[in-house]
C-alpha atoms as a PDB file:
ATOM      1  CA  MET A   1     131.239 106.898  19.653  1.00  0.00           C
ATOM      2  CA  THR A   2     128.754 104.319  20.843  1.00  0.00           C
ATOM      3  CA  GLU A   3     127.673 104.728  24.450  1.00  0.00           C
ATOM      4  CA  ILE A   4     124.709 103.535  26.461  1.00  0.00           C
ATOM      5  CA  ARG A   5     123.645 105.065  29.761  1.00  0.00           C
ATOM      6  CA  THR A   6     121.546 103.155  32.237  1.00  0.00           C
ATOM      7  CA  PRO A   7     120.445 104.494  35.619  1.00  0.00           C
ATOM      8  CA  ARG A   8     123.769 103.454  37.202  1.00  0.00           C
ATOM      9  CA  LEU A   9     126.133 102.522  34.386  1.00  0.00           C
ATOM     10  CA  LEU A  10     127.905 103.845  31.326  1.00  0.00           C
ATOM     11  CA  LEU A  11     128.565 101.249  28.633  1.00  0.00           C
ATOM     12  CA  ARG A  12     131.279 102.647  26.388  1.00  0.00           C
ATOM     13  CA  ARG A  13     134.212 101.837  24.161  1.00  0.00           C
ATOM     14  CA  TRP A  14     137.585 101.022  25.715  1.00  0.00           C
ATOM     15  CA  ARG A  15     140.198 103.573  26.813  1.00  0.00           C
ATOM     16  CA  ASP A  16     143.883 103.179  27.671  1.00  0.00           C
ATOM     17  CA  ASP A  17     143.233 103.684  31.391  1.00  0.00           C
ATOM     18  CA  ASP A  18     140.940 100.612  31.410  1.00  0.00           C
ATOM     19  CA  LEU A  19     143.899  98.245  31.043  1.00  0.00           C
ATOM     20  CA  ALA A  20     144.972  98.109  34.706  1.00  0.00           C
ATOM     21  CA  PRO A  21     141.520  97.562  36.240  1.00  0.00           C
ATOM     22  CA  MET A  22     140.554  95.000  33.576  1.00  0.00           C
ATOM     23  CA  THR A  23     143.847  93.168  34.157  1.00  0.00           C
ATOM     24  CA  ASP A  24     142.970  93.008  37.867  1.00  0.00           C
ATOM     25  CA  ILE A  25     139.533  91.581  37.044  1.00  0.00           C
ATOM     26  CA  ASN A  26     141.066  88.982  34.703  1.00  0.00           C
ATOM     27  CA  ALA A  27     143.605  87.999  37.383  1.00  0.00           C
ATOM     28  CA  ASP A  28     140.932  87.060  39.932  1.00  0.00           C
ATOM     29  CA  PRO A  29     140.463  83.258  39.966  1.00  0.00           C
ATOM     30  CA  GLN A  30     136.982  83.717  41.444  1.00  0.00           C
ATOM     31  CA  VAL A  31     135.931  85.915  38.511  1.00  0.00           C
ATOM     32  CA  MET A  32     137.536  83.639  35.925  1.00  0.00           C
ATOM     33  CA  ARG A  33     136.230  80.397  37.440  1.00  0.00           C
ATOM     34  CA  TRP A  34     133.706  79.877  34.622  1.00  0.00           C
ATOM     35  CA  SER A  35     135.849  81.226  31.781  1.00  0.00           C
ATOM     36  CA  GLU A  36     137.725  78.940  29.431  1.00  0.00           C
ATOM     37  CA  GLU A  37     140.543  81.512  29.457  1.00  0.00           C
ATOM     38  CA  GLY A  38     141.380  81.076  33.132  1.00  0.00           C
ATOM     39  CA  PRO A  39     142.933  83.814  35.276  1.00  0.00           C
ATOM     40  CA  SER A  40     145.735  85.912  33.800  1.00  0.00           C
ATOM     41  CA  HIS A  41     147.925  88.394  35.656  1.00  0.00           C
ATOM     42  CA  ASP A  42     149.501  89.503  32.403  1.00  0.00           C
ATOM     43  CA  PRO A  43     148.632  93.033  31.225  1.00  0.00           C
ATOM     44  CA  ASP A  44     149.721  92.102  27.688  1.00  0.00           C
ATOM     45  CA  THR A  45     147.095  89.349  27.537  1.00  0.00           C
ATOM     46  CA  THR A  46     144.390  91.786  28.648  1.00  0.00           C
ATOM     47  CA  ALA A  47     145.616  94.434  26.196  1.00  0.00           C
ATOM     48  CA  GLU A  48     145.395  91.888  23.365  1.00  0.00           C
ATOM     49  CA  ALA A  49     141.850  90.969  24.419  1.00  0.00           C
ATOM     50  CA  ILE A  50     140.772  94.622  24.493  1.00  0.00           C
ATOM     51  CA  GLU A  51     142.308  95.105  21.064  1.00  0.00           C
ATOM     52  CA  ARG A  52     140.305  92.114  19.739  1.00  0.00           C
ATOM     53  CA  TRP A  53     137.131  93.494  21.308  1.00  0.00           C
ATOM     54  CA  GLU A  54     137.704  96.865  19.655  1.00  0.00           C
ATOM     55  CA  GLU A  55     138.398  95.195  16.280  1.00  0.00           C
ATOM     56  CA  GLU A  56     135.061  93.415  16.533  1.00  0.00           C
ATOM     57  CA  TRP A  57     133.385  96.830  16.778  1.00  0.00           C
ATOM     58  CA  ASP A  58     135.015  97.749  13.463  1.00  0.00           C
ATOM     59  CA  ASP A  59     134.223  94.410  11.812  1.00  0.00           C
ATOM     60  CA  GLU A  60     130.711  93.723  13.127  1.00  0.00           C
ATOM     61  CA  GLY A  61     129.320  97.079  14.271  1.00  0.00           C
ATOM     62  CA  PHE A  62     129.106  95.790  17.833  1.00  0.00           C
ATOM     63  CA  GLY A  63     131.440  94.456  20.477  1.00  0.00           C
ATOM     64  CA  LEU A  64     132.159  94.321  24.178  1.00  0.00           C
ATOM     65  CA  PHE A  65     131.516  97.527  26.100  1.00  0.00           C
ATOM     66  CA  ALA A  66     133.591  98.686  29.029  1.00  0.00           C
ATOM     67  CA  VAL A  67     131.153  98.992  31.958  1.00  0.00           C
ATOM     68  CA  GLU A  68     131.762 102.067  34.100  1.00  0.00           C
ATOM     69  CA  LEU A  69     129.911 102.998  37.282  1.00  0.00           C
ATOM     70  CA  LEU A  70     128.383 106.453  36.813  1.00  0.00           C
ATOM     71  CA  ALA A  71     128.650 107.307  40.517  1.00  0.00           C
ATOM     72  CA  SER A  72     132.391 106.660  40.851  1.00  0.00           C
ATOM     73  CA  GLY A  73     133.844 106.321  37.349  1.00  0.00           C
ATOM     74  CA  GLU A  74     135.233 102.874  38.264  1.00  0.00           C
ATOM     75  CA  LEU A  75     135.588 100.220  35.595  1.00  0.00           C
ATOM     76  CA  ALA A  76     133.370  97.330  36.709  1.00  0.00           C
ATOM     77  CA  GLY A  77     134.205  94.998  33.784  1.00  0.00           C
ATOM     78  CA  PHE A  78     132.547  94.355  30.429  1.00  0.00           C
ATOM     79  CA  THR A  79     129.322  93.384  28.777  1.00  0.00           C
ATOM     80  CA  GLY A  80     128.442  93.267  25.132  1.00  0.00           C
ATOM     81  CA  LEU A  81     128.101  91.261  21.979  1.00  0.00           C
ATOM     82  CA  SER A  82     130.555  89.023  20.173  1.00  0.00           C
ATOM     83  CA  ILE A  83     130.548  86.304  17.562  1.00  0.00           C
ATOM     84  CA  PRO A  84     131.216  82.993  19.380  1.00  0.00           C
ATOM     85  CA  GLU A  85     133.624  81.595  16.800  1.00  0.00           C
ATOM     86  CA  PHE A  86     134.853  78.992  19.294  1.00  0.00           C
ATOM     87  CA  LEU A  87     131.443  77.287  18.981  1.00  0.00           C
ATOM     88  CA  PRO A  88     130.729  76.806  15.251  1.00  0.00           C
ATOM     89  CA  GLU A  89     127.276  75.321  15.881  1.00  0.00           C
ATOM     90  CA  ALA A  90     126.160  78.677  17.348  1.00  0.00           C
ATOM     91  CA  LEU A  91     127.180  80.684  14.294  1.00  0.00           C
ATOM     92  CA  PRO A  92     126.206  83.111  12.863  1.00  0.00           C
ATOM     93  CA  ASP A  93     124.436  84.376  15.997  1.00  0.00           C
ATOM     94  CA  ALA A  94     125.838  87.121  18.190  1.00  0.00           C
ATOM     95  CA  ALA A  95     126.276  86.201  21.843  1.00  0.00           C
ATOM     96  CA  ILE A  96     125.779  88.512  24.784  1.00  0.00           C
ATOM     97  CA  SER A  97     128.271  88.090  27.615  1.00  0.00           C
ATOM     98  CA  TRP A  98     129.570  89.871  30.690  1.00  0.00           C
ATOM     99  CA  ARG A  99     132.393  89.800  33.203  1.00  0.00           C
ATOM    100  CA  LEU A 100     132.450  92.009  36.274  1.00  0.00           C
ATOM    101  CA  GLY A 101     134.924  92.303  39.105  1.00  0.00           C
ATOM    102  CA  ALA A 102     133.853  90.374  42.213  1.00  0.00           C
ATOM    103  CA  GLN A 103     133.363  93.582  44.199  1.00  0.00           C
ATOM    104  CA  PHE A 104     130.548  94.485  41.773  1.00  0.00           C
ATOM    105  CA  TRP A 105     128.639  91.204  42.083  1.00  0.00           C
ATOM    106  CA  GLY A 106     125.228  90.920  43.719  1.00  0.00           C
ATOM    107  CA  GLN A 107     124.205  94.512  43.002  1.00  0.00           C
ATOM    108  CA  GLY A 108     122.286  94.004  39.752  1.00  0.00           C
ATOM    109  CA  TYR A 109     124.964  95.589  37.553  1.00  0.00           C
ATOM    110  CA  ALA A 110     125.340  92.557  35.263  1.00  0.00           C
ATOM    111  CA  SER A 111     121.578  92.378  34.679  1.00  0.00           C
ATOM    112  CA  GLU A 112     121.336  96.133  34.097  1.00  0.00           C
ATOM    113  CA  ALA A 113     124.218  96.132  31.604  1.00  0.00           C
ATOM    114  CA  ALA A 114     123.053  92.945  29.862  1.00  0.00           C
ATOM    115  CA  GLN A 115     119.491  94.262  29.464  1.00  0.00           C
ATOM    116  CA  ALA A 116     120.806  97.487  27.914  1.00  0.00           C
ATOM    117  CA  THR A 117     123.035  95.446  25.591  1.00  0.00           C
ATOM    118  CA  LEU A 118     120.166  93.198  24.528  1.00  0.00           C
ATOM    119  CA  GLU A 119     118.031  96.233  23.719  1.00  0.00           C
ATOM    120  CA  PHE A 120     120.976  97.719  21.777  1.00  0.00           C
ATOM    121  CA  ALA A 121     121.351  94.471  19.788  1.00  0.00           C
ATOM    122  CA  LEU A 122     117.703  94.034  18.868  1.00  0.00           C
ATOM    123  CA  GLN A 123     116.618  97.648  18.471  1.00  0.00           C
ATOM    124  CA  ASP A 124     119.707  99.643  17.521  1.00  0.00           C
ATOM    125  CA  ARG A 125     121.779  97.087  15.612  1.00  0.00           C
ATOM    126  CA  GLY A 126     118.810  95.323  14.045  1.00  0.00           C
ATOM    127  CA  LEU A 127     119.759  91.802  15.068  1.00  0.00           C
ATOM    128  CA  ASP A 128     116.843  89.374  14.885  1.00  0.00           C
ATOM    129  CA  ARG A 129     118.256  86.986  17.455  1.00  0.00           C
ATOM    130  CA  VAL A 130     120.805  86.950  20.288  1.00  0.00           C
ATOM    131  CA  ILE A 131     122.224  84.011  22.216  1.00  0.00           C
ATOM    132  CA  SER A 132     124.075  83.589  25.478  1.00  0.00           C
ATOM    133  CA  ILE A 133     126.342  80.696  26.392  1.00  0.00           C
ATOM    134  CA  ASP A 134     127.057  79.555  29.925  1.00  0.00           C
ATOM    135  CA  ARG A 135     128.395  76.577  31.798  1.00  0.00           C
ATOM    136  CA  PRO A 136     126.009  74.564  33.962  1.00  0.00           C
ATOM    137  CA  GLY A 137     126.478  75.479  37.607  1.00  0.00           C
ATOM    138  CA  ASN A 138     127.178  79.155  36.964  1.00  0.00           C
ATOM    139  CA  HIS A 139     124.015  80.190  38.792  1.00  0.00           C
ATOM    140  CA  ALA A 140     124.742  83.928  38.731  1.00  0.00           C
ATOM    141  CA  SER A 141     124.998  83.985  34.928  1.00  0.00           C
ATOM    142  CA  ALA A 142     121.973  81.727  34.578  1.00  0.00           C
ATOM    143  CA  ASN A 143     120.021  84.233  36.667  1.00  0.00           C
ATOM    144  CA  VAL A 144     121.025  87.110  34.374  1.00  0.00           C
ATOM    145  CA  ILE A 145     120.079  85.026  31.330  1.00  0.00           C
ATOM    146  CA  ARG A 146     116.676  84.264  32.885  1.00  0.00           C
ATOM    147  CA  LYS A 147     116.082  87.985  33.532  1.00  0.00           C
ATOM    148  CA  LEU A 148     116.825  88.669  29.856  1.00  0.00           C
ATOM    149  CA  GLY A 149     113.941  86.372  28.911  1.00  0.00           C
ATOM    150  CA  MET A 150     116.169  83.890  27.103  1.00  0.00           C
ATOM    151  CA  THR A 151     115.248  80.237  26.917  1.00  0.00           C
ATOM    152  CA  LEU A 152     117.460  77.169  26.781  1.00  0.00           C
ATOM    153  CA  GLU A 153     117.947  76.175  23.179  1.00  0.00           C
ATOM    154  CA  ARG A 154     120.466  73.375  23.440  1.00  0.00           C
ATOM    155  CA  GLU A 155     123.069  71.630  25.539  1.00  0.00           C
ATOM    156  CA  THR A 156     126.466  71.067  23.999  1.00  0.00           C
ATOM    157  CA  ALA A 157     130.142  70.932  24.950  1.00  0.00           C
ATOM    158  CA  HIS A 158     133.084  73.261  24.465  1.00  0.00           C
ATOM    159  CA  PRO A 159     134.912  71.868  21.414  1.00  0.00           C
ATOM    160  CA  VAL A 160     138.355  72.131  23.059  1.00  0.00           C
ATOM    161  CA  SER A 161     137.911  71.660  26.822  1.00  0.00           C
ATOM    162  CA  GLY A 162     134.853  69.427  26.646  1.00  0.00           C
ATOM    163  CA  HIS A 163     133.117  71.428  29.389  1.00  0.00           C
ATOM    164  CA  PRO A 164     129.339  71.199  29.109  1.00  0.00           C
ATOM    165  CA  LEU A 165     127.673  74.366  27.801  1.00  0.00           C
ATOM    166  CA  HIS A 166     124.128  75.681  27.647  1.00  0.00           C
ATOM    167  CA  VAL A 167     123.079  77.870  24.727  1.00  0.00           C
ATOM    168  CA  TYR A 168     120.161  80.214  25.423  1.00  0.00           C
ATOM    169  CA  ALA A 169     118.399  82.357  22.841  1.00  0.00           C
ATOM    170  CA  ILE A 170     115.887  85.119  22.354  1.00  0.00           C
ATOM    171  CA  ASP A 171     114.617  86.579  19.128  1.00  0.00           C
ATOM    172  CA  LEU A 172     113.026  89.879  18.319  1.00  0.00           C
ATOM    173  CA  THR A 173     109.502  88.429  18.384  1.00  0.00           C
ATOM    174  CA  GLU A 174     110.016  87.248  22.003  1.00  0.00           C
ATOM    175  CA  TYR A 175     111.686  90.424  23.264  1.00  0.00           C
ATOM    176  CA  GLU A 176     109.764  92.769  25.524  1.00  0.00           C
ATOM    177  CA  ALA A 177     111.541  96.117  25.924  1.00  0.00           C
END
């Protein structure tokens, strides 16, 4: 089982009891404001997403981690790696992403989890390069991306919605553990 411990977080694979708290996170319009998926109150939709995330672990050797607070055992959301198939121009790179419940914002959890995931990607999984994709105006995500040491590679648009997107990248030669 793949797990990563940081000073405050446990990044781990998904469990059945993660469904309810992740459904709550996905149902929050504030959390989902920047997501193409939009808010969903449907536990089946979240269960399908978790199943896809777990399948990516089997297919790629990486995926989205459940992020658990060590102090309380609460599920804070996810961070991890995925293949951004929705954006063919970014392929074959793996993208790092995150989504945390609003009550966990502003405490450095996203940066802590993302940094651990980036290290996992470049050092443990042997990836030479990792990207991150965000929408202009999402200042919180842009701040996490900046802390990861990623630089803007290109501006593009979501192929379905047309929303503008920024693609950031870092490669192994630029990474400072």
